[in-house]
N, C-alpha and C. Protein backbone atom coordinates (compact mmCIF):
# COMPACT_ATOMS: atom_id res chain seq x y z
N MET A 1 -16.92 0.90 -29.69
CA MET A 1 -17.09 0.43 -28.59
C MET A 1 -18.82 1.07 -27.69
N LYS A 2 -20.05 0.50 -28.19
CA LYS A 2 -20.90 0.95 -27.25
C LYS A 2 -20.65 1.15 -25.75
N LYS A 3 -21.22 1.71 -25.17
CA LYS A 3 -21.32 2.96 -23.94
C LYS A 3 -21.98 1.85 -23.57
N SER A 4 -22.80 0.56 -23.66
CA SER A 4 -22.93 -0.15 -22.92
C SER A 4 -22.55 -1.73 -22.55
N SER A 5 -21.87 -1.49 -23.28
CA SER A 5 -21.09 -2.93 -23.66
C SER A 5 -19.31 -2.23 -22.96
N GLU A 6 -18.68 -1.01 -22.80
CA GLU A 6 -18.04 -0.71 -22.75
C GLU A 6 -18.43 -0.57 -20.87
N ALA A 7 -19.61 -0.21 -20.38
CA ALA A 7 -19.73 -0.33 -19.13
C ALA A 7 -20.13 -1.88 -18.47
N ASN A 8 -20.10 -2.36 -18.68
CA ASN A 8 -20.20 -3.84 -19.59
C ASN A 8 -19.14 -4.20 -19.10
N LEU A 9 -17.70 -4.25 -19.28
CA LEU A 9 -16.96 -4.51 -19.12
C LEU A 9 -15.52 -3.48 -17.94
N LEU A 10 -16.12 -2.77 -18.01
CA LEU A 10 -15.89 -2.00 -17.04
C LEU A 10 -16.27 -2.60 -15.50
N GLY A 11 -17.62 -3.17 -15.54
CA GLY A 11 -17.86 -3.84 -14.33
C GLY A 11 -17.47 -4.99 -14.12
N ILE A 12 -17.42 -6.49 -15.25
CA ILE A 12 -16.47 -7.19 -14.98
C ILE A 12 -14.92 -6.01 -14.63
N SER A 13 -14.24 -5.89 -15.36
CA SER A 13 -12.66 -5.63 -14.86
C SER A 13 -13.15 -5.46 -12.77
N LEU A 14 -14.03 -4.28 -13.03
CA LEU A 14 -13.41 -3.40 -11.21
C LEU A 14 -13.95 -4.89 -10.94
N LEU A 15 -15.00 -5.67 -10.51
CA LEU A 15 -15.41 -7.32 -10.26
C LEU A 15 -14.17 -8.37 -9.91
N GLN A 16 -14.23 -8.88 -10.94
CA GLN A 16 -12.00 -8.72 -10.68
C GLN A 16 -11.24 -7.86 -9.94
N MET A 17 -11.41 -7.55 -10.31
CA MET A 17 -9.80 -6.33 -9.92
C MET A 17 -9.94 -6.39 -7.88
N ASN A 18 -11.66 -6.75 -7.71
CA ASN A 18 -12.61 -6.59 -6.50
C ASN A 18 -12.11 -8.36 -5.81
N LYS A 19 -12.27 -9.47 -6.56
CA LYS A 19 -12.07 -10.90 -6.37
C LYS A 19 -10.82 -10.38 -6.32
N LEU A 20 -9.44 -10.14 -6.85
CA LEU A 20 -8.26 -10.14 -7.17
C LEU A 20 -7.53 -9.39 -5.77
N GLN A 21 -8.31 -8.69 -5.53
CA GLN A 21 -7.58 -7.97 -4.27
C GLN A 21 -8.35 -9.14 -2.81
N ASN A 22 -9.27 -9.19 -2.53
CA ASN A 22 -9.81 -10.16 -1.98
C ASN A 22 -8.93 -11.70 -1.70
N ARG A 23 -8.42 -12.16 -2.70
CA ARG A 23 -7.67 -13.40 -2.72
C ARG A 23 -6.29 -13.06 -2.34
N ILE A 24 -5.65 -11.52 -2.13
CA ILE A 24 -4.12 -10.69 -1.54
C ILE A 24 -4.86 -10.45 -0.43
N ASN A 25 -5.57 -9.86 -0.17
CA ASN A 25 -5.21 -9.89 1.11
C ASN A 25 -5.55 -11.39 2.14
N ARG A 26 -6.08 -12.39 1.27
CA ARG A 26 -6.85 -13.20 2.58
C ARG A 26 -4.88 -14.17 1.98
N MET A 27 -4.63 -14.47 0.93
CA MET A 27 -2.89 -15.47 0.97
C MET A 27 -2.03 -14.41 2.06
N ASN A 28 -2.07 -13.11 1.54
CA ASN A 28 -0.92 -12.37 2.10
C ASN A 28 -1.66 -12.23 4.20
N SER A 29 -2.67 -12.17 4.56
CA SER A 29 -2.66 -11.71 5.66
C SER A 29 -1.88 -12.44 6.98
N ASN A 30 -1.26 -13.28 6.96
CA ASN A 30 -0.26 -13.76 7.67
C ASN A 30 0.62 -13.36 6.86
N TYR A 31 1.14 -12.66 6.30
CA TYR A 31 2.44 -11.74 7.03
C TYR A 31 2.50 -10.83 8.14
N VAL A 32 1.37 -10.34 8.83
CA VAL A 32 1.85 -9.29 10.18
C VAL A 32 0.87 -10.41 11.09
N GLY A 33 1.48 -10.82 10.84
CA GLY A 33 0.85 -12.30 12.42
C GLY A 33 -0.68 -11.60 13.50
N ASP A 34 -0.45 -11.68 14.65
CA ASP A 34 -1.62 -11.90 15.55
C ASP A 34 -1.29 -10.27 16.35
N THR A 35 -0.66 -8.79 15.46
CA THR A 35 -1.05 -7.71 15.39
C THR A 35 -2.09 -7.31 14.83
N GLY A 36 -2.85 -7.90 14.25
CA GLY A 36 -4.45 -7.50 14.18
C GLY A 36 -4.23 -6.09 12.71
N ALA A 37 -3.24 -5.97 12.64
CA ALA A 37 -2.13 -5.03 10.97
C ALA A 37 -3.29 -6.14 9.44
N THR A 38 -2.88 -4.68 9.13
CA THR A 38 -4.19 -4.66 7.85
C THR A 38 -3.22 -4.21 7.19
N MET A 39 -3.34 -4.97 5.45
CA MET A 39 -2.43 -4.50 4.26
C MET A 39 -2.69 -3.08 4.55
N LEU A 40 -3.31 -2.32 4.30
CA LEU A 40 -3.60 -1.06 4.35
C LEU A 40 -1.96 -0.88 5.18
N VAL A 41 -2.21 -1.23 6.92
CA VAL A 41 -0.79 -0.56 7.25
C VAL A 41 0.96 -1.56 7.11
N LEU A 42 0.55 -2.53 6.03
CA LEU A 42 1.90 -3.67 5.89
C LEU A 42 2.13 -2.26 4.33
N SER A 43 1.22 -1.94 3.71
CA SER A 43 1.40 -1.00 2.45
C SER A 43 1.93 0.45 2.71
N ILE A 44 1.47 0.99 4.40
CA ILE A 44 2.26 2.16 4.30
C ILE A 44 4.00 2.19 5.17
N LEU A 45 4.30 1.01 5.77
CA LEU A 45 5.17 0.31 5.87
C LEU A 45 6.05 0.12 4.93
N PHE A 46 5.31 -0.66 3.75
CA PHE A 46 6.13 -1.44 2.91
C PHE A 46 6.82 0.64 2.02
N TYR A 47 5.73 1.45 2.27
CA TYR A 47 5.88 2.61 1.56
C TYR A 47 6.96 3.69 2.10
N LEU A 48 6.97 4.10 3.23
CA LEU A 48 7.84 4.26 4.43
C LEU A 48 9.38 3.97 4.09
N TYR A 49 9.70 2.37 4.27
CA TYR A 49 10.73 1.99 4.00
C TYR A 49 11.50 1.94 2.67
N GLN A 50 11.13 2.15 1.15
CA GLN A 50 11.05 2.75 -0.31
C GLN A 50 11.22 3.88 -0.18
N ASN A 51 10.55 4.90 0.62
CA ASN A 51 10.51 6.27 0.29
C ASN A 51 11.44 7.40 1.45
N GLY A 52 11.56 6.70 1.99
CA GLY A 52 12.06 7.52 3.67
C GLY A 52 11.02 7.99 5.09
N ARG A 53 11.12 9.13 4.53
CA ARG A 53 10.39 9.48 5.41
C ARG A 53 10.13 10.37 4.90
N SER A 54 8.46 11.10 5.74
CA SER A 54 7.22 11.07 5.07
C SER A 54 6.41 11.72 5.99
N SER A 55 5.54 12.65 5.43
CA SER A 55 4.49 13.36 5.82
C SER A 55 3.05 12.41 6.33
N ASN A 56 2.02 12.62 7.38
CA ASN A 56 1.11 11.98 7.67
C ASN A 56 0.41 12.63 5.75
N ALA A 57 0.48 14.36 6.04
CA ALA A 57 -0.54 14.62 4.62
C ALA A 57 -0.70 13.80 3.05
N HIS A 58 0.96 13.50 3.02
CA HIS A 58 2.23 13.09 1.98
C HIS A 58 0.90 11.17 2.05
N LEU A 59 1.48 11.09 2.97
CA LEU A 59 0.82 9.56 3.04
C LEU A 59 -0.70 9.70 3.24
N ALA A 60 -1.63 10.39 3.82
CA ALA A 60 -2.87 10.38 3.26
C ALA A 60 -3.51 10.09 1.69
N THR A 61 -2.46 11.61 0.76
CA THR A 61 -2.27 11.67 -0.77
C THR A 61 -2.09 10.33 -1.43
N GLU A 62 -0.66 9.70 -0.95
CA GLU A 62 -0.50 7.91 -2.10
C GLU A 62 -1.59 7.85 -1.99
N PHE A 63 -2.16 7.57 -0.36
CA PHE A 63 -3.22 6.33 -0.02
C PHE A 63 -4.20 6.12 -0.50
N GLY A 64 -4.76 7.56 -1.23
CA GLY A 64 -5.97 8.11 -1.42
C GLY A 64 -7.26 8.02 -0.23
N MET A 65 -6.08 8.68 0.94
CA MET A 65 -7.80 8.65 2.35
C MET A 65 -8.14 9.89 2.62
N ALA A 66 -8.27 10.60 4.05
CA ALA A 66 -8.09 11.59 4.56
C ALA A 66 -7.32 11.94 5.09
N ASN A 67 -6.58 13.57 5.76
CA ASN A 67 -6.16 13.02 6.52
C ASN A 67 -5.70 12.45 8.25
N SER A 68 -7.36 12.83 8.22
CA SER A 68 -7.55 12.26 9.92
C SER A 68 -8.04 10.47 9.93
N SER A 69 -8.41 9.96 9.07
CA SER A 69 -8.27 8.94 9.02
C SER A 69 -6.83 7.58 8.65
N MET A 70 -5.48 9.10 8.11
CA MET A 70 -4.56 8.28 8.06
C MET A 70 -3.30 8.68 9.69
N SER A 71 -4.21 9.16 10.45
CA SER A 71 -3.42 9.76 10.98
C SER A 71 -4.38 8.63 12.37
N ARG A 72 -5.16 7.88 11.64
CA ARG A 72 -5.75 7.45 13.35
C ARG A 72 -4.30 6.20 13.23
N THR A 73 -4.30 6.04 11.62
CA THR A 73 -3.92 4.84 11.09
C THR A 73 -2.07 5.25 11.61
N ILE A 74 -1.84 6.30 11.49
CA ILE A 74 -0.09 6.23 12.57
C ILE A 74 -0.04 5.87 13.18
N GLY A 75 -0.97 6.63 13.88
CA GLY A 75 -1.22 6.59 15.38
C GLY A 75 -0.94 5.63 16.51
N ARG A 76 -1.62 4.23 15.28
CA ARG A 76 -1.79 3.20 15.84
C ARG A 76 -0.17 2.56 15.97
N LEU A 77 0.53 2.95 13.96
CA LEU A 77 1.83 2.56 14.89
C LEU A 77 2.90 3.00 15.08
N ILE A 78 2.24 3.99 15.81
CA ILE A 78 2.91 4.63 16.71
C ILE A 78 3.18 4.29 17.89
N ARG A 79 2.15 3.53 18.66
CA ARG A 79 1.95 2.84 19.80
C ARG A 79 2.20 1.84 19.92
N ILE A 80 2.22 1.04 18.72
CA ILE A 80 3.08 -0.28 18.89
C ILE A 80 4.58 -0.77 17.91
N ASN A 81 5.21 0.58 18.00
CA ASN A 81 6.26 1.59 18.00
C ASN A 81 7.02 0.49 16.52
N TRP A 82 6.31 0.90 15.32
CA TRP A 82 6.79 0.72 14.38
C TRP A 82 7.23 1.69 13.56
N VAL A 83 6.54 2.72 13.83
CA VAL A 83 6.28 4.80 12.72
C VAL A 83 7.39 5.00 14.89
N LYS A 84 7.82 5.94 14.02
CA LYS A 84 7.68 7.67 15.09
C LYS A 84 7.79 8.68 14.45
N THR A 85 8.01 9.68 14.83
CA THR A 85 7.64 10.90 13.85
C THR A 85 9.38 11.66 14.42
N VAL A 86 9.70 12.11 14.03
CA VAL A 86 10.74 12.87 13.33
C VAL A 86 10.76 14.34 13.43
N PRO A 87 11.50 15.01 13.68
CA PRO A 87 11.24 16.84 13.27
C PRO A 87 11.76 17.29 11.90
N ASP A 88 10.97 17.21 11.20
CA ASP A 88 11.36 17.83 10.13
C ASP A 88 12.40 19.23 10.17
N ALA A 89 13.79 18.62 9.74
CA ALA A 89 14.98 19.27 10.02
C ALA A 89 14.19 21.25 8.47
N LYS A 90 14.00 20.93 7.59
CA LYS A 90 13.65 22.68 7.87
C LYS A 90 12.59 23.61 8.56
N ASP A 91 11.23 22.11 9.02
CA ASP A 91 11.05 23.26 9.57
C ASP A 91 10.40 22.38 11.61
N ARG A 92 10.91 23.20 12.52
CA ARG A 92 10.55 22.13 13.40
C ARG A 92 9.02 22.64 13.99
N ARG A 93 8.62 22.25 12.80
CA ARG A 93 6.86 23.05 13.66
C ARG A 93 6.08 21.60 13.58
N ARG A 94 6.77 21.07 12.72
CA ARG A 94 6.84 19.68 11.38
C ARG A 94 7.25 19.17 12.28
N ALA A 95 6.64 17.65 11.82
CA ALA A 95 7.44 16.37 12.13
C ALA A 95 6.65 15.50 10.29
N LYS A 96 8.26 14.58 10.45
CA LYS A 96 8.21 13.63 9.48
C LYS A 96 8.24 12.19 10.16
N LEU A 97 7.98 11.47 9.02
CA LEU A 97 7.02 9.92 9.66
C LEU A 97 8.23 9.03 8.60
N SER A 98 8.37 8.34 10.39
CA SER A 98 9.82 7.33 9.10
C SER A 98 9.89 5.82 10.50
N LEU A 99 10.20 5.53 9.48
CA LEU A 99 10.03 3.91 10.49
C LEU A 99 10.97 3.63 11.90
N THR A 100 10.56 2.59 12.41
CA THR A 100 11.91 2.55 13.77
C THR A 100 12.19 1.11 13.29
N LYS A 101 13.70 0.27 14.32
CA LYS A 101 13.59 -0.80 13.78
C LYS A 101 13.08 -1.88 13.81
N LYS A 102 11.93 -1.92 14.55
CA LYS A 102 10.73 -2.81 14.97
C LYS A 102 10.03 -2.54 13.33
N GLY A 103 9.82 -1.47 12.73
CA GLY A 103 9.09 -1.40 11.82
C GLY A 103 9.73 -1.85 10.39
N LYS A 104 11.05 -1.47 10.36
CA LYS A 104 11.43 -2.14 9.44
C LYS A 104 12.07 -3.21 9.13
N ASP A 105 11.97 -4.24 10.66
CA ASP A 105 12.29 -5.38 11.06
C ASP A 105 10.73 -6.41 10.24
N LYS A 106 9.80 -5.48 10.65
CA LYS A 106 8.00 -5.98 10.25
C LYS A 106 8.34 -6.03 8.84
N VAL A 107 8.79 -5.26 8.01
CA VAL A 107 8.75 -4.94 7.06
C VAL A 107 9.61 -6.47 6.12
N LEU A 108 11.12 -6.77 6.31
CA LEU A 108 11.58 -7.68 5.96
C LEU A 108 11.06 -8.66 6.19
N ASP A 109 11.22 -8.90 7.99
CA ASP A 109 10.05 -10.53 7.68
C ASP A 109 9.20 -10.68 6.50
N ALA A 110 7.71 -9.29 6.42
CA ALA A 110 7.10 -9.29 5.41
C ALA A 110 7.17 -9.45 4.04
N SER A 111 8.43 -9.40 3.34
CA SER A 111 8.78 -9.49 2.10
C SER A 111 9.21 -10.50 2.63
N ILE A 112 10.15 -11.40 2.50
CA ILE A 112 10.62 -12.52 2.62
C ILE A 112 9.17 -13.40 2.66
N LYS A 113 8.68 -13.58 4.03
CA LYS A 113 7.33 -14.70 3.74
C LYS A 113 6.15 -13.49 2.08
N MET A 114 6.34 -13.20 1.41
CA MET A 114 5.65 -12.68 0.64
C MET A 114 6.40 -12.62 -0.34
N LYS A 115 7.34 -12.51 -0.99
CA LYS A 115 7.96 -13.70 -2.03
C LYS A 115 7.80 -14.64 -2.52
N LYS A 116 7.72 -15.47 -0.94
CA LYS A 116 8.09 -17.35 -1.13
C LYS A 116 6.48 -17.20 -1.40
N ASN A 117 5.64 -16.51 -0.87
CA ASN A 117 4.07 -17.18 -0.81
C ASN A 117 3.68 -17.41 -2.46
N LEU A 118 3.90 -15.63 -2.81
CA LEU A 118 3.83 -15.45 -4.24
C LEU A 118 4.68 -16.26 -5.45
N HIS A 119 6.04 -16.36 -4.90
CA HIS A 119 6.65 -17.51 -6.35
C HIS A 119 5.57 -19.13 -6.12
N SER A 120 5.63 -19.57 -5.30
CA SER A 120 4.55 -20.82 -4.95
C SER A 120 2.80 -20.74 -5.86
N VAL A 121 3.02 -18.96 -6.43
CA VAL A 121 1.82 -19.05 -6.87
C VAL A 121 1.63 -19.01 -8.91
N PHE A 122 2.52 -18.15 -8.35
CA PHE A 122 3.29 -17.34 -9.89
C PHE A 122 4.98 -17.46 -10.13
N THR A 123 4.82 -17.71 -11.71
CA THR A 123 6.49 -18.20 -11.92
C THR A 123 7.20 -16.29 -12.20
N ASP A 124 8.57 -16.32 -13.09
CA ASP A 124 8.80 -14.89 -12.45
C ASP A 124 8.94 -13.83 -13.23
N ALA A 125 8.73 -14.75 -14.51
CA ALA A 125 7.57 -13.31 -15.89
C ALA A 125 6.52 -13.19 -15.64
N ASP A 126 5.42 -14.26 -14.79
CA ASP A 126 3.88 -14.37 -14.96
C ASP A 126 4.27 -12.69 -13.27
N LEU A 127 4.67 -12.18 -11.98
CA LEU A 127 5.20 -11.63 -11.53
C LEU A 127 5.52 -10.34 -11.98
N ASP A 128 6.45 -11.19 -12.90
CA ASP A 128 6.87 -9.00 -13.92
C ASP A 128 5.86 -8.45 -15.05
N ALA A 129 4.60 -9.68 -15.66
CA ALA A 129 3.61 -8.78 -15.96
C ALA A 129 2.85 -8.10 -15.59
N LEU A 130 2.74 -9.03 -13.91
CA LEU A 130 1.64 -8.11 -12.76
C LEU A 130 1.50 -6.98 -12.65
N ILE A 131 3.28 -6.82 -12.23
CA ILE A 131 3.84 -5.53 -11.19
C ILE A 131 4.02 -4.36 -12.56
N GLU A 132 3.76 -5.19 -13.73
CA GLU A 132 3.44 -3.99 -15.02
C GLU A 132 2.00 -3.39 -15.69
N GLY A 133 1.53 -4.39 -14.91
CA GLY A 133 -0.74 -4.25 -15.37
C GLY A 133 -0.33 -3.65 -14.32
N PHE A 134 0.24 -3.40 -12.68
CA PHE A 134 -0.38 -2.87 -11.89
C PHE A 134 -0.10 -0.73 -12.01
N LYS A 135 1.37 -1.25 -12.71
CA LYS A 135 1.78 0.37 -12.46
C LYS A 135 1.82 0.75 -14.18
N THR A 136 0.91 0.24 -15.45
CA THR A 136 0.40 1.43 -16.14
C THR A 136 -1.50 1.45 -15.48
N LEU A 137 -1.87 0.50 -14.89
CA LEU A 137 -2.58 0.60 -14.57
C LEU A 137 -2.81 2.01 -13.71
N LYS A 138 -2.10 2.07 -12.84
CA LYS A 138 -2.13 3.56 -11.65
C LYS A 138 -1.73 4.78 -12.24
N GLU A 139 -0.79 4.94 -13.84
CA GLU A 139 -0.49 5.76 -14.06
C GLU A 139 -1.99 5.95 -15.47
N GLN A 140 -2.70 5.10 -15.28
CA GLN A 140 -4.31 5.56 -15.87
C GLN A 140 -5.08 5.97 -15.56
N ILE A 141 -5.51 6.00 -13.81
CA ILE A 141 -5.83 6.08 -12.83
C ILE A 141 -6.03 7.22 -12.36
N ASN A 142 -4.16 8.15 -12.19
CA ASN A 142 -3.80 8.93 -11.76
C ASN A 142 -4.13 9.90 -12.88
N GLN A 143 -3.58 10.03 -14.63
CA GLN A 143 -4.07 10.66 -15.74
C GLN A 143 -6.00 11.06 -15.52
N GLN A 144 -6.62 10.03 -15.46
CA GLN A 144 -8.00 10.33 -15.23
C GLN A 144 -8.05 11.20 -14.59
N ILE A 145 -7.38 10.99 -13.03
CA ILE A 145 -7.64 12.29 -11.81
C ILE A 145 -7.07 13.00 -11.89
N HIS A 146 -6.26 13.92 -12.62
CA HIS A 146 -5.67 14.83 -13.49
C HIS A 146 -6.13 15.91 -14.52
N GLU A 147 -6.97 14.95 -15.41
CA GLU A 147 -8.02 15.38 -15.72
C GLU A 147 -8.83 16.62 -15.81
N LYS A 148 -9.47 15.68 -14.60
CA LYS A 148 -10.66 16.09 -13.72
C LYS A 148 -10.82 16.99 -13.08
């Protein structure tokens, strides 16, 4: 394939992904209620729910953010009592982040609403294909990042 047509295809793909992300964000905006939370916040909550305790630095790496940006976001989550710091068992000078009961409740509530909303738009087979597509995309991106 010629470089110009590859670039054109990539540009179209990026545009479609951006449109999809914007639509998903609009569709999912009601999951976090009137708290002013973003999809990033909800993603962090889900990550902590699925993976347990994590450090700020690890979350920043996972979400492709600067440590300072993640620290500000986590600070806000601590203030609204969705996340708490827990001393690291191996090194008491360090702290890990985990969900509070309020944070877990938010994840469970959002999960129910998300499933209901997604099932109103997609079939189970469509959702499975979408999830697999995102996994493949993430693997491809991670592979390209590590090659550089």
